């Protein structure tokens, strides 16, 4: 489970880095209005790539260690003997998984509303 989490986070990090590079290439040739005193250097280099790699591995380990530990606590012997469904212990109604899912849905809706309002203003 940890290997799968790290692999998925590395794929996500690579996709994010590729998208950042393509957006950087797109905005690198954009000219600001004349007389604008803003000069921003947003070049992507190997420091950025190493940071993305380390962050992806840390997130992969961090977000897959808890499900891996919970999977080791499951008693599979009765299910294998009886052929019945697994009886998971600690199935709580308001657990950490439900809290994380609620936070994810709330954050997605917030991003959707902000993007929608930004689109209609411009």
PDB file of N, CA and C in Angstrom:
ATOM      1  N   UNK A   1       0.823  -1.192   0.000  1.00  0.00           N
ATOM      2  CA  UNK A   1       0.000   0.000   0.000  1.00  0.00           C
ATOM      3  C   UNK A   1       0.869   1.258   0.000  1.00  0.00           C
ATOM      4  N   UNK A   2       1.973   1.207   0.699  1.00  0.00           N
ATOM      5  CA  UNK A   2       2.857   2.370   0.739  1.00  0.00           C
ATOM      6  C   UNK A   2       3.506   2.571  -0.629  1.00  0.00           C
ATOM      7  N   UNK A   3       3.901   1.470  -1.272  1.00  0.00           N
ATOM      8  CA  UNK A   3       4.502   1.579  -2.600  1.00  0.00           C
ATOM      9  C   UNK A   3       3.513   2.167  -3.597  1.00  0.00           C
ATOM     10  N   UNK A   4       2.265   1.733  -3.513  1.00  0.00           N
ATOM     11  CA  UNK A   4       1.236   2.275  -4.396  1.00  0.00           C
ATOM     12  C   UNK A   4       1.023   3.760  -4.129  1.00  0.00           C
ATOM     13  N   UNK A   5       1.005   4.158  -2.864  1.00  0.00           N
ATOM     14  CA  UNK A   5       0.838   5.568  -2.527  1.00  0.00           C
ATOM     15  C   UNK A   5       1.988   6.423  -3.029  1.00  0.00           C
ATOM     16  N   UNK A   6       3.212   5.911  -2.906  1.00  0.00           N
ATOM     17  CA  UNK A   6       4.366   6.662  -3.396  1.00  0.00           C
ATOM     18  C   UNK A   6       4.330   6.762  -4.915  1.00  0.00           C
ATOM     19  N   UNK A   7       3.978   5.657  -5.580  1.00  0.00           N
ATOM     20  CA  UNK A   7       3.912   5.671  -7.040  1.00  0.00           C
ATOM     21  C   UNK A   7       2.856   6.657  -7.535  1.00  0.00           C
ATOM     22  N   UNK A   8       1.690   6.654  -6.915  1.00  0.00           N
ATOM     23  CA  UNK A   8       0.636   7.593  -7.315  1.00  0.00           C
ATOM     24  C   UNK A   8       1.048   9.041  -7.061  1.00  0.00           C
ATOM     25  N   UNK A   9       1.719   9.290  -5.945  1.00  0.00           N
ATOM     26  CA  UNK A   9       2.142  10.660  -5.659  1.00  0.00           C
ATOM     27  C   UNK A   9       3.252  11.108  -6.604  1.00  0.00           C
ATOM     28  N   UNK A  10       4.123  10.186  -7.008  1.00  0.00           N
ATOM     29  CA  UNK A  10       5.159  10.541  -7.985  1.00  0.00           C
ATOM     30  C   UNK A  10       4.544  10.843  -9.353  1.00  0.00           C
ATOM     31  N   UNK A  11       3.536  10.076  -9.745  1.00  0.00           N
ATOM     32  CA  UNK A  11       2.851  10.360 -11.006  1.00  0.00           C
ATOM     33  C   UNK A  11       2.170  11.728 -10.941  1.00  0.00           C
ATOM     34  N   UNK A  12       1.526  12.014  -9.811  1.00  0.00           N
ATOM     35  CA  UNK A  12       0.895  13.322  -9.641  1.00  0.00           C
ATOM     36  C   UNK A  12       1.902  14.454  -9.616  1.00  0.00           C
ATOM     37  N   UNK A  13       3.050  14.234  -8.970  1.00  0.00           N
ATOM     38  CA  UNK A  13       4.097  15.249  -8.946  1.00  0.00           C
ATOM     39  C   UNK A  13       4.675  15.499 -10.325  1.00  0.00           C
ATOM     40  N   UNK A  14       4.871  14.433 -11.097  1.00  0.00           N
ATOM     41  CA  UNK A  14       5.385  14.587 -12.461  1.00  0.00           C
ATOM     42  C   UNK A  14       4.379  15.327 -13.344  1.00  0.00           C
ATOM     43  N   UNK A  15       3.099  15.005 -13.181  1.00  0.00           N
ATOM     44  CA  UNK A  15       2.074  15.705 -13.963  1.00  0.00           C
ATOM     45  C   UNK A  15       2.008  17.182 -13.565  1.00  0.00           C
ATOM     46  N   UNK A  16       2.112  17.465 -12.270  1.00  0.00           N
ATOM     47  CA  UNK A  16       2.113  18.849 -11.812  1.00  0.00           C
ATOM     48  C   UNK A  16       3.324  19.622 -12.296  1.00  0.00           C
ATOM     49  N   UNK A  17       4.490  18.962 -12.290  1.00  0.00           N
ATOM     50  CA  UNK A  17       5.705  19.622 -12.771  1.00  0.00           C
ATOM     51  C   UNK A  17       5.615  19.872 -14.273  1.00  0.00           C
ATOM     52  N   UNK A  18       5.059  18.918 -15.028  1.00  0.00           N
ATOM     53  CA  UNK A  18       4.900  19.106 -16.468  1.00  0.00           C
ATOM     54  C   UNK A  18       3.930  20.246 -16.769  1.00  0.00           C
ATOM     55  N   UNK A  19       2.853  20.331 -15.979  1.00  0.00           N
ATOM     56  CA  UNK A  19       1.908  21.416 -16.177  1.00  0.00           C
ATOM     57  C   UNK A  19       2.539  22.764 -15.803  1.00  0.00           C
ATOM     58  N   UNK A  20       3.325  22.794 -14.736  1.00  0.00           N
ATOM     59  CA  UNK A  20       4.007  24.031 -14.353  1.00  0.00           C
ATOM     60  C   UNK A  20       4.996  24.459 -15.425  1.00  0.00           C
ATOM     61  N   UNK A  21       5.704  23.488 -16.006  1.00  0.00           N
ATOM     62  CA  UNK A  21       6.665  23.818 -17.058  1.00  0.00           C
ATOM     63  C   UNK A  21       5.964  24.352 -18.297  1.00  0.00           C
ATOM     64  N   UNK A  22       4.848  23.728 -18.671  1.00  0.00           N
ATOM     65  CA  UNK A  22       4.133  24.205 -19.854  1.00  0.00           C
ATOM     66  C   UNK A  22       3.527  25.586 -19.616  1.00  0.00           C
ATOM     67  N   UNK A  23       3.025  25.843 -18.424  1.00  0.00           N
ATOM     68  CA  UNK A  23       2.498  27.177 -18.122  1.00  0.00           C
ATOM     69  C   UNK A  23       3.607  28.215 -18.052  1.00  0.00           C
ATOM     70  N   UNK A  24       4.779  27.802 -17.549  1.00  0.00           N
ATOM     71  CA  UNK A  24       5.923  28.716 -17.530  1.00  0.00           C
ATOM     72  C   UNK A  24       6.343  29.060 -18.953  1.00  0.00           C
ATOM     73  N   UNK A  25       6.383  28.058 -19.828  1.00  0.00           N
ATOM     74  CA  UNK A  25       6.753  28.306 -21.218  1.00  0.00           C
ATOM     75  C   UNK A  25       5.727  29.204 -21.892  1.00  0.00           C
ATOM     76  N   UNK A  26       4.481  29.071 -21.523  1.00  0.00           N
ATOM     77  CA  UNK A  26       3.431  29.903 -22.101  1.00  0.00           C
ATOM     78  C   UNK A  26       3.537  31.344 -21.622  1.00  0.00           C
ATOM     79  N   UNK A  27       3.823  31.540 -20.339  1.00  0.00           N
ATOM     80  CA  UNK A  27       3.881  32.900 -19.799  1.00  0.00           C
ATOM     81  C   UNK A  27       5.255  33.539 -19.935  1.00  0.00           C
ATOM     82  N   UNK A  28       6.268  32.789 -20.336  1.00  0.00           N
ATOM     83  CA  UNK A  28       7.611  33.367 -20.470  1.00  0.00           C
ATOM     84  C   UNK A  28       7.662  34.381 -21.605  1.00  0.00           C
ATOM     85  N   UNK A  29       6.823  34.222 -22.587  1.00  0.00           N
ATOM     86  CA  UNK A  29       6.827  35.123 -23.735  1.00  0.00           C
ATOM     87  C   UNK A  29       5.746  36.190 -23.639  1.00  0.00           C
ATOM     88  N   UNK A  30       5.081  36.284 -22.515  1.00  0.00           N
ATOM     89  CA  UNK A  30       4.046  37.282 -22.326  1.00  0.00           C
ATOM     90  C   UNK A  30       4.691  38.608 -21.947  1.00  0.00           C
ATOM     91  N   UNK A  31       4.297  39.644 -22.631  1.00  0.00           N
ATOM     92  CA  UNK A  31       4.849  40.971 -22.331  1.00  0.00           C
ATOM     93  C   UNK A  31       3.892  41.734 -21.423  1.00  0.00           C
ATOM     94  N   UNK A  32       4.464  42.351 -20.415  1.00  0.00           N
ATOM     95  CA  UNK A  32       3.668  43.180 -19.519  1.00  0.00           C
ATOM     96  C   UNK A  32       3.470  44.550 -20.151  1.00  0.00           C
ATOM     97  N   UNK A  33       2.469  45.288 -19.716  1.00  0.00           N
ATOM     98  CA  UNK A  33       2.269  46.632 -20.277  1.00  0.00           C
ATOM     99  C   UNK A  33       3.498  47.514 -20.049  1.00  0.00           C
ATOM    100  N   UNK A  34       3.698  48.445 -20.932  1.00  0.00           N
ATOM    101  CA  UNK A  34       4.863  49.340 -20.850  1.00  0.00           C
ATOM    102  C   UNK A  34       4.823  50.136 -19.552  1.00  0.00           C
ATOM    103  N   UNK A  35       5.980  50.302 -18.963  1.00  0.00           N
ATOM    104  CA  UNK A  35       6.084  51.068 -17.730  1.00  0.00           C
ATOM    105  C   UNK A  35       5.778  50.263 -16.483  1.00  0.00           C
ATOM    106  N   UNK A  36       5.619  48.978 -16.605  1.00  0.00           N
ATOM    107  CA  UNK A  36       5.327  48.135 -15.453  1.00  0.00           C
ATOM    108  C   UNK A  36       6.631  47.792 -14.737  1.00  0.00           C
ATOM    109  N   UNK A  37       6.756  48.133 -13.445  1.00  0.00           N
ATOM    110  CA  UNK A  37       8.022  47.900 -12.743  1.00  0.00           C
ATOM    111  C   UNK A  37       8.184  46.473 -12.208  1.00  0.00           C
ATOM    112  N   UNK A  38       7.281  45.575 -12.542  1.00  0.00           N
ATOM    113  CA  UNK A  38       7.321  44.221 -11.991  1.00  0.00           C
ATOM    114  C   UNK A  38       8.215  43.339 -12.853  1.00  0.00           C
ATOM    115  N   UNK A  39       9.159  42.677 -12.192  1.00  0.00           N
ATOM    116  CA  UNK A  39      10.020  41.720 -12.878  1.00  0.00           C
ATOM    117  C   UNK A  39      10.088  40.464 -12.016  1.00  0.00           C
ATOM    118  N   UNK A  40       9.516  39.382 -12.519  1.00  0.00           N
ATOM    119  CA  UNK A  40       9.442  38.143 -11.760  1.00  0.00           C
ATOM    120  C   UNK A  40      10.190  37.058 -12.515  1.00  0.00           C
ATOM    121  N   UNK A  41      11.124  36.403 -11.837  1.00  0.00           N
ATOM    122  CA  UNK A  41      11.851  35.290 -12.435  1.00  0.00           C
ATOM    123  C   UNK A  41      11.206  33.997 -11.958  1.00  0.00           C
ATOM    124  N   UNK A  42      10.542  33.311 -12.853  1.00  0.00           N
ATOM    125  CA  UNK A  42       9.829  32.076 -12.498  1.00  0.00           C
ATOM    126  C   UNK A  42      10.421  30.867 -13.199  1.00  0.00           C
ATOM    127  N   UNK A  43      11.713  30.891 -13.440  1.00  0.00           N
ATOM    128  CA  UNK A  43      12.346  29.786 -14.159  1.00  0.00           C
ATOM    129  C   UNK A  43      12.314  28.507 -13.322  1.00  0.00           C
ATOM    130  N   UNK A  44      12.058  27.389 -14.002  1.00  0.00           N
ATOM    131  CA  UNK A  44      12.074  26.078 -13.351  1.00  0.00           C
ATOM    132  C   UNK A  44      13.449  25.461 -13.582  1.00  0.00           C
ATOM    133  N   UNK A  45      14.093  25.035 -12.513  1.00  0.00           N
ATOM    134  CA  UNK A  45      15.412  24.440 -12.646  1.00  0.00           C
ATOM    135  C   UNK A  45      15.453  23.127 -11.876  1.00  0.00           C
ATOM    136  N   UNK A  46      16.627  22.574 -11.682  1.00  0.00           N
ATOM    137  CA  UNK A  46      16.734  21.274 -11.019  1.00  0.00           C
ATOM    138  C   UNK A  46      16.411  21.368  -9.538  1.00  0.00           C
ATOM    139  N   UNK A  47      16.540  22.541  -8.931  1.00  0.00           N
ATOM    140  CA  UNK A  47      16.132  22.701  -7.528  1.00  0.00           C
ATOM    141  C   UNK A  47      14.629  22.465  -7.379  1.00  0.00           C
ATOM    142  N   UNK A  48      13.878  23.002  -8.320  1.00  0.00           N
ATOM    143  CA  UNK A  48      12.436  22.826  -8.304  1.00  0.00           C
ATOM    144  C   UNK A  48      12.061  21.362  -8.500  1.00  0.00           C
ATOM    145  N   UNK A  49      12.763  20.690  -9.418  1.00  0.00           N
ATOM    146  CA  UNK A  49      12.471  19.282  -9.680  1.00  0.00           C
ATOM    147  C   UNK A  49      12.766  18.416  -8.452  1.00  0.00           C
ATOM    148  N   UNK A  50      13.865  18.695  -7.759  1.00  0.00           N
ATOM    149  CA  UNK A  50      14.197  17.935  -6.548  1.00  0.00           C
ATOM    150  C   UNK A  50      13.165  18.201  -5.457  1.00  0.00           C
ATOM    151  N   UNK A  51      12.740  19.449  -5.315  1.00  0.00           N
ATOM    152  CA  UNK A  51      11.731  19.779  -4.313  1.00  0.00           C
ATOM    153  C   UNK A  51      10.424  19.049  -4.594  1.00  0.00           C
ATOM    154  N   UNK A  52      10.008  19.006  -5.859  1.00  0.00           N
ATOM    155  CA  UNK A  52       8.772  18.311  -6.229  1.00  0.00           C
ATOM    156  C   UNK A  52       8.912  16.817  -5.943  1.00  0.00           C
ATOM    157  N   UNK A  53      10.064  16.232  -6.268  1.00  0.00           N
ATOM    158  CA  UNK A  53      10.285  14.810  -6.024  1.00  0.00           C
ATOM    159  C   UNK A  53      10.224  14.488  -4.531  1.00  0.00           C
ATOM    160  N   UNK A  54      10.917  15.267  -3.707  1.00  0.00           N
ATOM    161  CA  UNK A  54      10.927  15.023  -2.253  1.00  0.00           C
ATOM    162  C   UNK A  54       9.539  15.221  -1.671  1.00  0.00           C
ATOM    163  N   UNK A  55       8.842  16.255  -2.116  1.00  0.00           N
ATOM    164  CA  UNK A  55       7.486  16.503  -1.621  1.00  0.00           C
ATOM    165  C   UNK A  55       6.532  15.387  -2.023  1.00  0.00           C
ATOM    166  N   UNK A  56       6.677  14.863  -3.240  1.00  0.00           N
ATOM    167  CA  UNK A  56       5.806  13.775  -3.694  1.00  0.00           C
ATOM    168  C   UNK A  56       6.061  12.505  -2.893  1.00  0.00           C
ATOM    169  N   UNK A  57       7.319  12.185  -2.620  1.00  0.00           N
ATOM    170  CA  UNK A  57       7.629  10.991  -1.823  1.00  0.00           C
ATOM    171  C   UNK A  57       7.119  11.154  -0.396  1.00  0.00           C
ATOM    172  N   UNK A  58       7.311  12.338   0.189  1.00  0.00           N
ATOM    173  CA  UNK A  58       6.839  12.576   1.556  1.00  0.00           C
ATOM    174  C   UNK A  58       5.317  12.481   1.635  1.00  0.00           C
ATOM    175  N   UNK A  59       4.617  13.031   0.659  1.00  0.00           N
ATOM    176  CA  UNK A  59       3.151  12.932   0.649  1.00  0.00           C
ATOM    177  C   UNK A  59       2.704  11.498   0.421  1.00  0.00           C
ATOM    178  N   UNK A  60       3.406  10.774  -0.434  1.00  0.00           N
ATOM    179  CA  UNK A  60       3.057   9.375  -0.670  1.00  0.00           C
ATOM    180  C   UNK A  60       3.201   8.540   0.576  1.00  0.00           C
ATOM    181  N   UNK A  61       4.274   8.747   1.314  1.00  0.00           N
ATOM    182  CA  UNK A  61       4.472   8.016   2.571  1.00  0.00           C
ATOM    183  C   UNK A  61       3.474   8.486   3.621  1.00  0.00           C
ATOM    184  N   UNK A  62       3.320   9.793   3.732  1.00  0.00           N
ATOM    185  CA  UNK A  62       2.453  10.347   4.763  1.00  0.00           C
ATOM    186  C   UNK A  62       0.995   9.952   4.629  1.00  0.00           C
ATOM    187  N   UNK A  63       0.495   9.919   3.387  1.00  0.00           N
ATOM    188  CA  UNK A  63      -0.916   9.626   3.181  1.00  0.00           C
ATOM    189  C   UNK A  63      -1.205   8.143   2.979  1.00  0.00           C
ATOM    190  N   UNK A  64      -0.188   7.305   2.901  1.00  0.00           N
ATOM    191  CA  UNK A  64      -0.457   5.876   2.749  1.00  0.00           C
ATOM    192  C   UNK A  64      -0.058   5.058   3.968  1.00  0.00           C
ATOM    193  N   UNK A  65       0.568   5.674   4.949  1.00  0.00           N
ATOM    194  CA  UNK A  65       0.990   4.911   6.132  1.00  0.00           C
ATOM    195  C   UNK A  65      -0.205   4.544   7.010  1.00  0.00           C
ATOM    196  N   UNK A  66      -1.170   5.430   7.150  1.00  0.00           N
ATOM    197  CA  UNK A  66      -2.328   5.137   8.002  1.00  0.00           C
ATOM    198  C   UNK A  66      -3.203   4.017   7.428  1.00  0.00           C
ATOM    199  N   UNK A  67      -3.559   4.030   6.140  1.00  0.00           N
ATOM    200  CA  UNK A  67      -4.313   2.879   5.608  1.00  0.00           C
ATOM    201  C   UNK A  67      -3.521   1.574   5.671  1.00  0.00           C
ATOM    202  N   UNK A  68      -2.206   1.646   5.500  1.00  0.00           N
ATOM    203  CA  UNK A  68      -1.397   0.429   5.596  1.00  0.00           C
ATOM    204  C   UNK A  68      -1.401  -0.118   7.015  1.00  0.00           C
ATOM    205  N   UNK A  69      -1.334   0.754   8.002  1.00  0.00           N
ATOM    206  CA  UNK A  69      -1.390   0.304   9.394  1.00  0.00           C
ATOM    207  C   UNK A  69      -2.771  -0.241   9.743  1.00  0.00           C
ATOM    208  N   UNK A  70      -3.819   0.363   9.212  1.00  0.00           N
ATOM    209  CA  UNK A  70      -5.160  -0.140   9.477  1.00  0.00           C
ATOM    210  C   UNK A  70      -5.385  -1.488   8.814  1.00  0.00           C
ATOM    211  N   UNK A  71      -4.760  -1.723   7.677  1.00  0.00           N
ATOM    212  CA  UNK A  71      -4.913  -3.006   6.996  1.00  0.00           C
ATOM    213  C   UNK A  71      -4.224  -4.135   7.751  1.00  0.00           C
ATOM    214  N   UNK A  72      -3.199  -3.818   8.531  1.00  0.00           N
ATOM    215  CA  UNK A  72      -2.513  -4.864   9.286  1.00  0.00           C
ATOM    216  C   UNK A  72      -3.311  -5.283  10.515  1.00  0.00           C
ATOM    217  N   UNK A  73      -4.261  -4.479  10.937  1.00  0.00           N
ATOM    218  CA  UNK A  73      -5.053  -4.801  12.130  1.00  0.00           C
ATOM    219  C   UNK A  73      -6.263  -5.677  11.807  1.00  0.00           C
ATOM    220  N   UNK A  74      -6.557  -5.883  10.548  1.00  0.00           N
ATOM    221  CA  UNK A  74      -7.717  -6.673  10.151  1.00  0.00           C
ATOM    222  C   UNK A  74      -7.440  -8.157  10.367  1.00  0.00           C
ATOM    223  N   UNK A  75      -8.383  -8.848  11.000  1.00  0.00           N
ATOM    224  CA  UNK A  75      -8.242 -10.279  11.238  1.00  0.00           C
ATOM    225  C   UNK A  75      -8.898 -11.027  10.087  1.00  0.00           C
ATOM    226  N   UNK A  76      -8.084 -11.634   9.220  1.00  0.00           N
ATOM    227  CA  UNK A  76      -8.608 -12.299   8.040  1.00  0.00           C
ATOM    228  C   UNK A  76      -8.856 -13.789   8.252  1.00  0.00           C
ATOM    229  N   UNK A  77      -8.404 -14.352   9.350  1.00  0.00           N
ATOM    230  CA  UNK A  77      -8.566 -15.793   9.578  1.00  0.00           C
ATOM    231  C   UNK A  77     -10.035 -16.220   9.630  1.00  0.00           C
ATOM    232  N   UNK A  78     -10.925 -15.530  10.354  1.00  0.00           N
ATOM    233  CA  UNK A  78     -12.331 -15.949  10.347  1.00  0.00           C
ATOM    234  C   UNK A  78     -12.975 -15.861   8.960  1.00  0.00           C
ATOM    235  N   UNK A  79     -12.604 -14.874   8.197  1.00  0.00           N
ATOM    236  CA  UNK A  79     -13.176 -14.734   6.866  1.00  0.00           C
ATOM    237  C   UNK A  79     -12.694 -15.841   5.945  1.00  0.00           C
ATOM    238  N   UNK A  80     -11.445 -16.228   6.098  1.00  0.00           N
ATOM    239  CA  UNK A  80     -10.936 -17.309   5.258  1.00  0.00           C
ATOM    240  C   UNK A  80     -11.532 -18.653   5.654  1.00  0.00           C
ATOM    241  N   UNK A  81     -11.776 -18.855   6.927  1.00  0.00           N
ATOM    242  CA  UNK A  81     -12.348 -20.117   7.393  1.00  0.00           C
ATOM    243  C   UNK A  81     -13.817 -20.231   7.035  1.00  0.00           C
ATOM    244  N   UNK A  82     -14.574 -19.187   7.281  1.00  0.00           N
ATOM    245  CA  UNK A  82     -16.018 -19.234   7.081  1.00  0.00           C
ATOM    246  C   UNK A  82     -16.449 -18.821   5.680  1.00  0.00           C
ATOM    247  N   UNK A  83     -15.593 -18.100   4.973  1.00  0.00           N
ATOM    248  CA  UNK A  83     -15.976 -17.600   3.657  1.00  0.00           C
ATOM    249  C   UNK A  83     -16.903 -16.411   3.743  1.00  0.00           C
ATOM    250  N   UNK A  84     -17.030 -15.828   4.904  1.00  0.00           N
ATOM    251  CA  UNK A  84     -17.916 -14.684   5.091  1.00  0.00           C
ATOM    252  C   UNK A  84     -17.154 -13.396   4.800  1.00  0.00           C
ATOM    253  N   UNK A  85     -17.886 -12.305   4.807  1.00  0.00           N
ATOM    254  CA  UNK A  85     -17.266 -10.999   4.593  1.00  0.00           C
ATOM    255  C   UNK A  85     -16.404 -10.641   5.797  1.00  0.00           C
ATOM    256  N   UNK A  86     -15.395  -9.851   5.546  1.00  0.00           N
ATOM    257  CA  UNK A  86     -14.504  -9.427   6.629  1.00  0.00           C
ATOM    258  C   UNK A  86     -15.254  -8.548   7.622  1.00  0.00           C
ATOM    259  N   UNK A  87     -14.991  -8.779   8.872  1.00  0.00           N
ATOM    260  CA  UNK A  87     -15.573  -7.943   9.918  1.00  0.00           C
ATOM    261  C   UNK A  87     -14.503  -6.972  10.374  1.00  0.00           C
ATOM    262  N   UNK A  88     -14.606  -5.745   9.934  1.00  0.00           N
ATOM    263  CA  UNK A  88     -13.608  -4.737  10.292  1.00  0.00           C
ATOM    264  C   UNK A  88     -13.922  -4.196  11.678  1.00  0.00           C
ATOM    265  N   UNK A  89     -12.913  -4.160  12.513  1.00  0.00           N
ATOM    266  CA  UNK A  89     -13.099  -3.580  13.844  1.00  0.00           C
ATOM    267  C   UNK A  89     -12.849  -2.089  13.767  1.00  0.00           C
ATOM    268  N   UNK A  90     -13.537  -1.353  14.586  1.00  0.00           N
ATOM    269  CA  UNK A  90     -13.334   0.090  14.639  1.00  0.00           C
ATOM    270  C   UNK A  90     -14.018   0.842  13.511  1.00  0.00           C
ATOM    271  N   UNK A  91     -15.088   0.316  12.972  1.00  0.00           N
ATOM    272  CA  UNK A  91     -15.824   1.006  11.927  1.00  0.00           C
ATOM    273  C   UNK A  91     -16.666   2.099  12.577  1.00  0.00           C
ATOM    274  N   UNK A  92     -16.121   3.306  12.570  1.00  0.00           N
ATOM    275  CA  UNK A  92     -16.779   4.423  13.236  1.00  0.00           C
ATOM    276  C   UNK A  92     -17.615   5.222  12.246  1.00  0.00           C
ATOM    277  N   UNK A  93     -18.638   5.848  12.756  1.00  0.00           N
ATOM    278  CA  UNK A  93     -19.498   6.640  11.897  1.00  0.00           C
ATOM    279  C   UNK A  93     -18.814   7.935  11.473  1.00  0.00           C
ATOM    280  N   UNK A  94     -18.135   8.618  12.390  1.00  0.00           N
ATOM    281  CA  UNK A  94     -17.452   9.876  12.089  1.00  0.00           C
ATOM    282  C   UNK A  94     -15.961   9.690  12.321  1.00  0.00           C
ATOM    283  N   UNK A  95     -15.299   8.990  11.437  1.00  0.00           N
ATOM    284  CA  UNK A  95     -13.881   8.721  11.580  1.00  0.00           C
ATOM    285  C   UNK A  95     -13.038   9.721  10.806  1.00  0.00           C
ATOM    286  N   UNK A  96     -11.752   9.498  10.812  1.00  0.00           N
ATOM    287  CA  UNK A  96     -10.798  10.361  10.126  1.00  0.00           C
ATOM    288  C   UNK A  96     -11.011  10.313   8.613  1.00  0.00           C
ATOM    289  N   UNK A  97     -11.377   9.160   8.099  1.00  0.00           N
ATOM    290  CA  UNK A  97     -11.610   9.024   6.662  1.00  0.00           C
ATOM    291  C   UNK A  97     -12.786   9.888   6.228  1.00  0.00           C
ATOM    292  N   UNK A  98     -13.873   9.869   6.995  1.00  0.00           N
ATOM    293  CA  UNK A  98     -15.038  10.685   6.646  1.00  0.00           C
ATOM    294  C   UNK A  98     -14.734  12.174   6.785  1.00  0.00           C
ATOM    295  N   UNK A  99     -13.922  12.549   7.766  1.00  0.00           N
ATOM    296  CA  UNK A  99     -13.530  13.941   7.934  1.00  0.00           C
ATOM    297  C   UNK A  99     -12.675  14.399   6.759  1.00  0.00           C
ATOM    298  N   UNK A 100     -11.743  13.556   6.325  1.00  0.00           N
ATOM    299  CA  UNK A 100     -10.894  13.911   5.187  1.00  0.00           C
ATOM    300  C   UNK A 100     -11.719  14.033   3.910  1.00  0.00           C
ATOM    301  N   UNK A 101     -12.680  13.147   3.725  1.00  0.00           N
ATOM    302  CA  UNK A 101     -13.520  13.220   2.533  1.00  0.00           C
ATOM    303  C   UNK A 101     -14.381  14.477   2.556  1.00  0.00           C
ATOM    304  N   UNK A 102     -14.911  14.829   3.705  1.00  0.00           N
ATOM    305  CA  UNK A 102     -15.702  16.052   3.807  1.00  0.00           C
ATOM    306  C   UNK A 102     -14.866  17.291   3.530  1.00  0.00           C
ATOM    307  N   UNK A 103     -13.626  17.314   4.028  1.00  0.00           N
ATOM    308  CA  UNK A 103     -12.733  18.444   3.767  1.00  0.00           C
ATOM    309  C   UNK A 103     -12.384  18.528   2.286  1.00  0.00           C
ATOM    310  N   UNK A 104     -12.203  17.391   1.642  1.00  0.00           N
ATOM    311  CA  UNK A 104     -11.879  17.376   0.216  1.00  0.00           C
ATOM    312  C   UNK A 104     -13.054  17.903  -0.607  1.00  0.00           C
ATOM    313  N   UNK A 105     -14.256  17.481  -0.277  1.00  0.00           N
ATOM    314  CA  UNK A 105     -15.433  17.957  -1.007  1.00  0.00           C
ATOM    315  C   UNK A 105     -15.627  19.448  -0.768  1.00  0.00           C
ATOM    316  N   UNK A 106     -15.452  19.902   0.457  1.00  0.00           N
ATOM    317  CA  UNK A 106     -15.610  21.328   0.754  1.00  0.00           C
ATOM    318  C   UNK A 106     -14.563  22.161   0.020  1.00  0.00           C
ATOM    319  N   UNK A 107     -13.324  21.707  -0.008  1.00  0.00           N
ATOM    320  CA  UNK A 107     -12.283  22.434  -0.730  1.00  0.00           C
ATOM    321  C   UNK A 107     -12.527  22.464  -2.221  1.00  0.00           C
ATOM    322  N   UNK A 108     -13.018  21.354  -2.785  1.00  0.00           N
ATOM    323  CA  UNK A 108     -13.320  21.312  -4.217  1.00  0.00           C
ATOM    324  C   UNK A 108     -14.448  22.265  -4.564  1.00  0.00           C
ATOM    325  N   UNK A 109     -15.472  22.297  -3.731  1.00  0.00           N
ATOM    326  CA  UNK A 109     -16.579  23.225  -3.982  1.00  0.00           C
ATOM    327  C   UNK A 109     -16.129  24.671  -3.861  1.00  0.00           C
ATOM    328  N   UNK A 110     -15.254  24.964  -2.899  1.00  0.00           N
ATOM    329  CA  UNK A 110     -14.737  26.319  -2.740  1.00  0.00           C
ATOM    330  C   UNK A 110     -13.936  26.730  -3.971  1.00  0.00           C
ATOM    331  N   UNK A 111     -13.071  25.848  -4.468  1.00  0.00           N
ATOM    332  CA  UNK A 111     -12.308  26.156  -5.676  1.00  0.00           C
ATOM    333  C   UNK A 111     -13.218  26.344  -6.888  1.00  0.00           C
ATOM    334  N   UNK A 112     -14.248  25.529  -6.977  1.00  0.00           N
ATOM    335  CA  UNK A 112     -15.187  25.656  -8.080  1.00  0.00           C
ATOM    336  C   UNK A 112     -15.917  26.992  -8.042  1.00  0.00           C
ATOM    337  N   UNK A 113     -16.350  27.405  -6.864  1.00  0.00           N
ATOM    338  CA  UNK A 113     -17.055  28.680  -6.738  1.00  0.00           C
ATOM    339  C   UNK A 113     -16.143  29.866  -7.024  1.00  0.00           C
ATOM    340  N   UNK A 114     -14.908  29.808  -6.547  1.00  0.00           N
ATOM    341  CA  UNK A 114     -13.967  30.902  -6.791  1.00  0.00           C
ATOM    342  C   UNK A 114     -13.632  30.985  -8.277  1.00  0.00           C
ATOM    343  N   UNK A 115     -13.384  29.834  -8.906  1.00  0.00           N
ATOM    344  CA  UNK A 115     -13.074  29.839 -10.332  1.00  0.00           C
ATOM    345  C   UNK A 115     -14.263  30.321 -11.150  1.00  0.00           C
ATOM    346  N   UNK A 116     -15.458  29.948 -10.765  1.00  0.00           N
ATOM    347  CA  UNK A 116     -16.650  30.368 -11.480  1.00  0.00           C
ATOM    348  C   UNK A 116     -16.858  31.867 -11.349  1.00  0.00           C
ATOM    349  N   UNK A 117     -16.696  32.412 -10.142  1.00  0.00           N
ATOM    350  CA  UNK A 117     -16.883  33.847  -9.964  1.00  0.00           C
ATOM    351  C   UNK A 117     -15.783  34.625 -10.682  1.00  0.00           C
ATOM    352  N   UNK A 118     -14.562  34.087 -10.725  1.00  0.00           N
ATOM    353  CA  UNK A 118     -13.477  34.750 -11.437  1.00  0.00           C
ATOM    354  C   UNK A 118     -13.749  34.750 -12.944  1.00  0.00           C
ATOM    355  N   UNK A 119     -14.311  33.653 -13.433  1.00  0.00           N
ATOM    356  CA  UNK A 119     -14.590  33.550 -14.863  1.00  0.00           C
ATOM    357  C   UNK A 119     -15.643  34.570 -15.289  1.00  0.00           C
ATOM    358  N   UNK A 120     -16.685  34.731 -14.481  1.00  0.00           N
ATOM    359  CA  UNK A 120     -17.757  35.623 -14.872  1.00  0.00           C
ATOM    360  C   UNK A 120     -17.401  37.086 -14.690  1.00  0.00           C
ATOM    361  N   UNK A 121     -16.393  37.388 -13.844  1.00  0.00           N
ATOM    362  CA  UNK A 121     -15.973  38.787 -13.670  1.00  0.00           C
ATOM    363  C   UNK A 121     -15.096  39.254 -14.809  1.00  0.00           C
ATOM    364  N   UNK A 122     -14.359  38.335 -15.415  1.00  0.00           N
ATOM    365  CA  UNK A 122     -13.426  38.759 -16.476  1.00  0.00           C
ATOM    366  C   UNK A 122     -14.028  38.741 -17.846  1.00  0.00           C
TER     367      UNK A 122
END
